[in-house]
């Protein structure tokens, strides 16, 4: 099972970056998710989060803590939801083959705007378990 970092990048108003994955992605095209990436050999999951934030959004972040972890056997992966804050930079889409769109929303705003047909497995799990994220709402 591969480890993946899901970056819960937040601002001071507890709004998070949500991204719509590119229509060209093999897995979950056009689906809303958190910025994310696969852990590489020799990396910690926190280092993965920092690398992915720079590669995908051109920002430097601090990976603060793992909020929760969810195994996704259907994808052969373990998703680590990591709370992050921006140290420097403003998020921009660096590669449109990865990300189509960025939105800053609270969890409640996001879940009111998008139903389960438009979001990834990890976000469906969080919608079903609001006790995990209620401190950020």
Protein backbone atom coordinates (compact mmCIF):
# COMPACT_ATOMS: atom_id res chain seq x y z
CA UNK A 1 0.00 0.00 0.00
CA UNK A 2 1.47 3.37 -1.05
CA UNK A 3 1.50 6.33 1.32
CA UNK A 4 -0.01 9.57 0.04
CA UNK A 5 -0.01 13.01 1.63
CA UNK A 6 -3.21 15.03 1.38
CA UNK A 7 -2.33 18.66 2.10
CA UNK A 8 -4.89 20.51 4.21
CA UNK A 9 -3.37 23.94 3.61
CA UNK A 10 -5.21 26.50 5.70
CA UNK A 11 -5.29 30.23 6.20
CA UNK A 12 -6.01 32.21 9.37
CA UNK A 13 -9.78 32.01 8.70
CA UNK A 14 -9.76 28.19 8.57
CA UNK A 15 -10.30 28.19 4.83
CA UNK A 16 -8.50 25.39 3.03
CA UNK A 17 -7.17 24.97 -0.49
CA UNK A 18 -9.27 22.54 -2.49
CA UNK A 19 -8.19 21.63 -6.02
CA UNK A 20 -10.02 20.21 -9.00
CA UNK A 21 -7.83 17.54 -10.52
CA UNK A 22 -6.99 17.79 -14.21
CA UNK A 23 -9.25 16.10 -16.73
CA UNK A 24 -6.05 14.40 -17.96
CA UNK A 25 -5.41 12.54 -14.68
CA UNK A 26 -5.67 8.74 -14.90
CA UNK A 27 -7.11 8.53 -11.40
CA UNK A 28 -10.11 10.66 -10.44
CA UNK A 29 -10.06 13.15 -13.35
CA UNK A 30 -12.03 16.40 -12.78
CA UNK A 31 -12.64 15.45 -9.14
CA UNK A 32 -12.25 17.90 -6.25
CA UNK A 33 -9.64 16.90 -3.70
CA UNK A 34 -6.83 18.32 -1.60
CA UNK A 35 -3.44 18.90 -3.20
CA UNK A 36 -1.68 15.57 -2.74
CA UNK A 37 1.13 13.32 -3.75
CA UNK A 38 2.84 9.99 -3.28
CA UNK A 39 5.61 9.53 -0.72
CA UNK A 40 8.94 8.88 -2.39
CA UNK A 41 11.63 6.51 -1.13
CA UNK A 42 13.54 8.02 1.78
CA UNK A 43 10.98 10.76 2.48
CA UNK A 44 8.86 11.23 5.57
CA UNK A 45 5.19 11.94 4.90
CA UNK A 46 5.83 15.51 6.09
CA UNK A 47 8.62 15.92 3.53
CA UNK A 48 6.23 14.64 0.88
CA UNK A 49 3.73 17.35 1.84
CA UNK A 50 6.38 20.09 1.61
CA UNK A 51 7.64 18.83 -1.78
CA UNK A 52 4.16 18.49 -3.27
CA UNK A 53 3.10 21.99 -2.14
CA UNK A 54 6.09 23.44 -3.96
CA UNK A 55 5.75 21.24 -7.07
CA UNK A 56 1.99 21.74 -7.51
CA UNK A 57 1.30 25.20 -6.06
CA UNK A 58 4.68 27.01 -5.93
CA UNK A 59 4.44 27.62 -2.18
CA UNK A 60 6.58 26.78 0.83
CA UNK A 61 4.61 25.24 3.68
CA UNK A 62 5.05 23.93 7.17
CA UNK A 63 3.51 20.46 7.57
CA UNK A 64 2.22 20.67 11.14
CA UNK A 65 0.39 17.47 12.06
CA UNK A 66 -1.43 14.46 10.69
CA UNK A 67 -5.13 15.06 11.27
CA UNK A 68 -6.14 11.50 10.40
CA UNK A 69 -5.21 8.62 8.10
CA UNK A 70 -7.57 6.66 5.84
CA UNK A 71 -6.75 3.42 4.03
CA UNK A 72 -8.16 3.28 0.50
CA UNK A 73 -7.79 -0.36 -0.55
CA UNK A 74 -9.64 0.32 -3.82
CA UNK A 75 -6.73 2.61 -4.79
CA UNK A 76 -4.01 0.62 -3.03
CA UNK A 77 -3.11 3.61 -0.89
CA UNK A 78 -3.05 5.06 2.58
CA UNK A 79 -4.02 8.74 2.68
CA UNK A 80 -2.50 10.89 5.42
CA UNK A 81 -4.41 14.16 5.92
CA UNK A 82 -1.78 16.71 7.00
CA UNK A 83 -2.60 20.15 8.40
CA UNK A 84 -0.29 22.70 6.73
CA UNK A 85 0.29 26.45 6.76
CA UNK A 86 1.93 28.61 4.11
CA UNK A 87 5.36 29.97 5.02
CA UNK A 88 5.91 31.85 1.75
CA UNK A 89 4.37 32.30 -1.67
CA UNK A 90 0.88 32.56 -3.08
CA UNK A 91 -0.70 29.37 -4.44
CA UNK A 92 -0.75 29.14 -8.23
CA UNK A 93 -1.31 26.19 -10.54
CA UNK A 94 2.15 25.19 -11.80
CA UNK A 95 1.01 22.26 -13.96
CA UNK A 96 -2.44 22.15 -15.57
CA UNK A 97 -1.90 18.42 -16.21
CA UNK A 98 -2.19 18.04 -12.44
CA UNK A 99 -4.65 20.73 -11.33
CA UNK A 100 -7.42 22.57 -13.21
CA UNK A 101 -8.71 24.89 -10.51
CA UNK A 102 -8.07 26.09 -6.93
CA UNK A 103 -10.65 27.26 -4.36
CA UNK A 104 -10.25 28.53 -0.79
CA UNK A 105 -13.25 27.32 1.25
CA UNK A 106 -14.14 26.21 4.75
CA UNK A 107 -15.09 22.56 5.11
CA UNK A 108 -18.76 23.53 5.49
CA UNK A 109 -18.69 25.75 2.40
CA UNK A 110 -17.02 22.99 0.40
CA UNK A 111 -19.43 20.24 1.47
CA UNK A 112 -22.43 22.50 0.80
CA UNK A 113 -21.14 23.29 -2.69
CA UNK A 114 -20.08 19.82 -3.92
CA UNK A 115 -21.85 16.47 -3.64
CA UNK A 116 -20.14 13.08 -3.47
CA UNK A 117 -20.15 12.66 -7.27
CA UNK A 118 -17.71 15.57 -7.60
CA UNK A 119 -15.26 14.81 -4.78
CA UNK A 120 -12.55 12.27 -4.07
CA UNK A 121 -12.61 9.31 -1.69
CA UNK A 122 -10.77 11.18 1.06
CA UNK A 123 -13.24 14.05 1.06
CA UNK A 124 -16.19 11.66 1.08
CA UNK A 125 -14.63 10.06 4.17
CA UNK A 126 -14.26 13.49 5.83
CA UNK A 127 -17.86 14.43 4.96
CA UNK A 128 -19.01 11.24 6.69
CA UNK A 129 -16.82 11.97 9.75
CA UNK A 130 -17.23 15.67 10.63
CA UNK A 131 -15.88 15.07 14.13
CA UNK A 132 -12.42 14.85 12.49
CA UNK A 133 -12.52 18.42 11.13
CA UNK A 134 -15.12 20.21 13.30
CA UNK A 135 -12.42 22.14 15.19
CA UNK A 136 -11.59 23.89 11.90
CA UNK A 137 -15.14 24.90 10.99
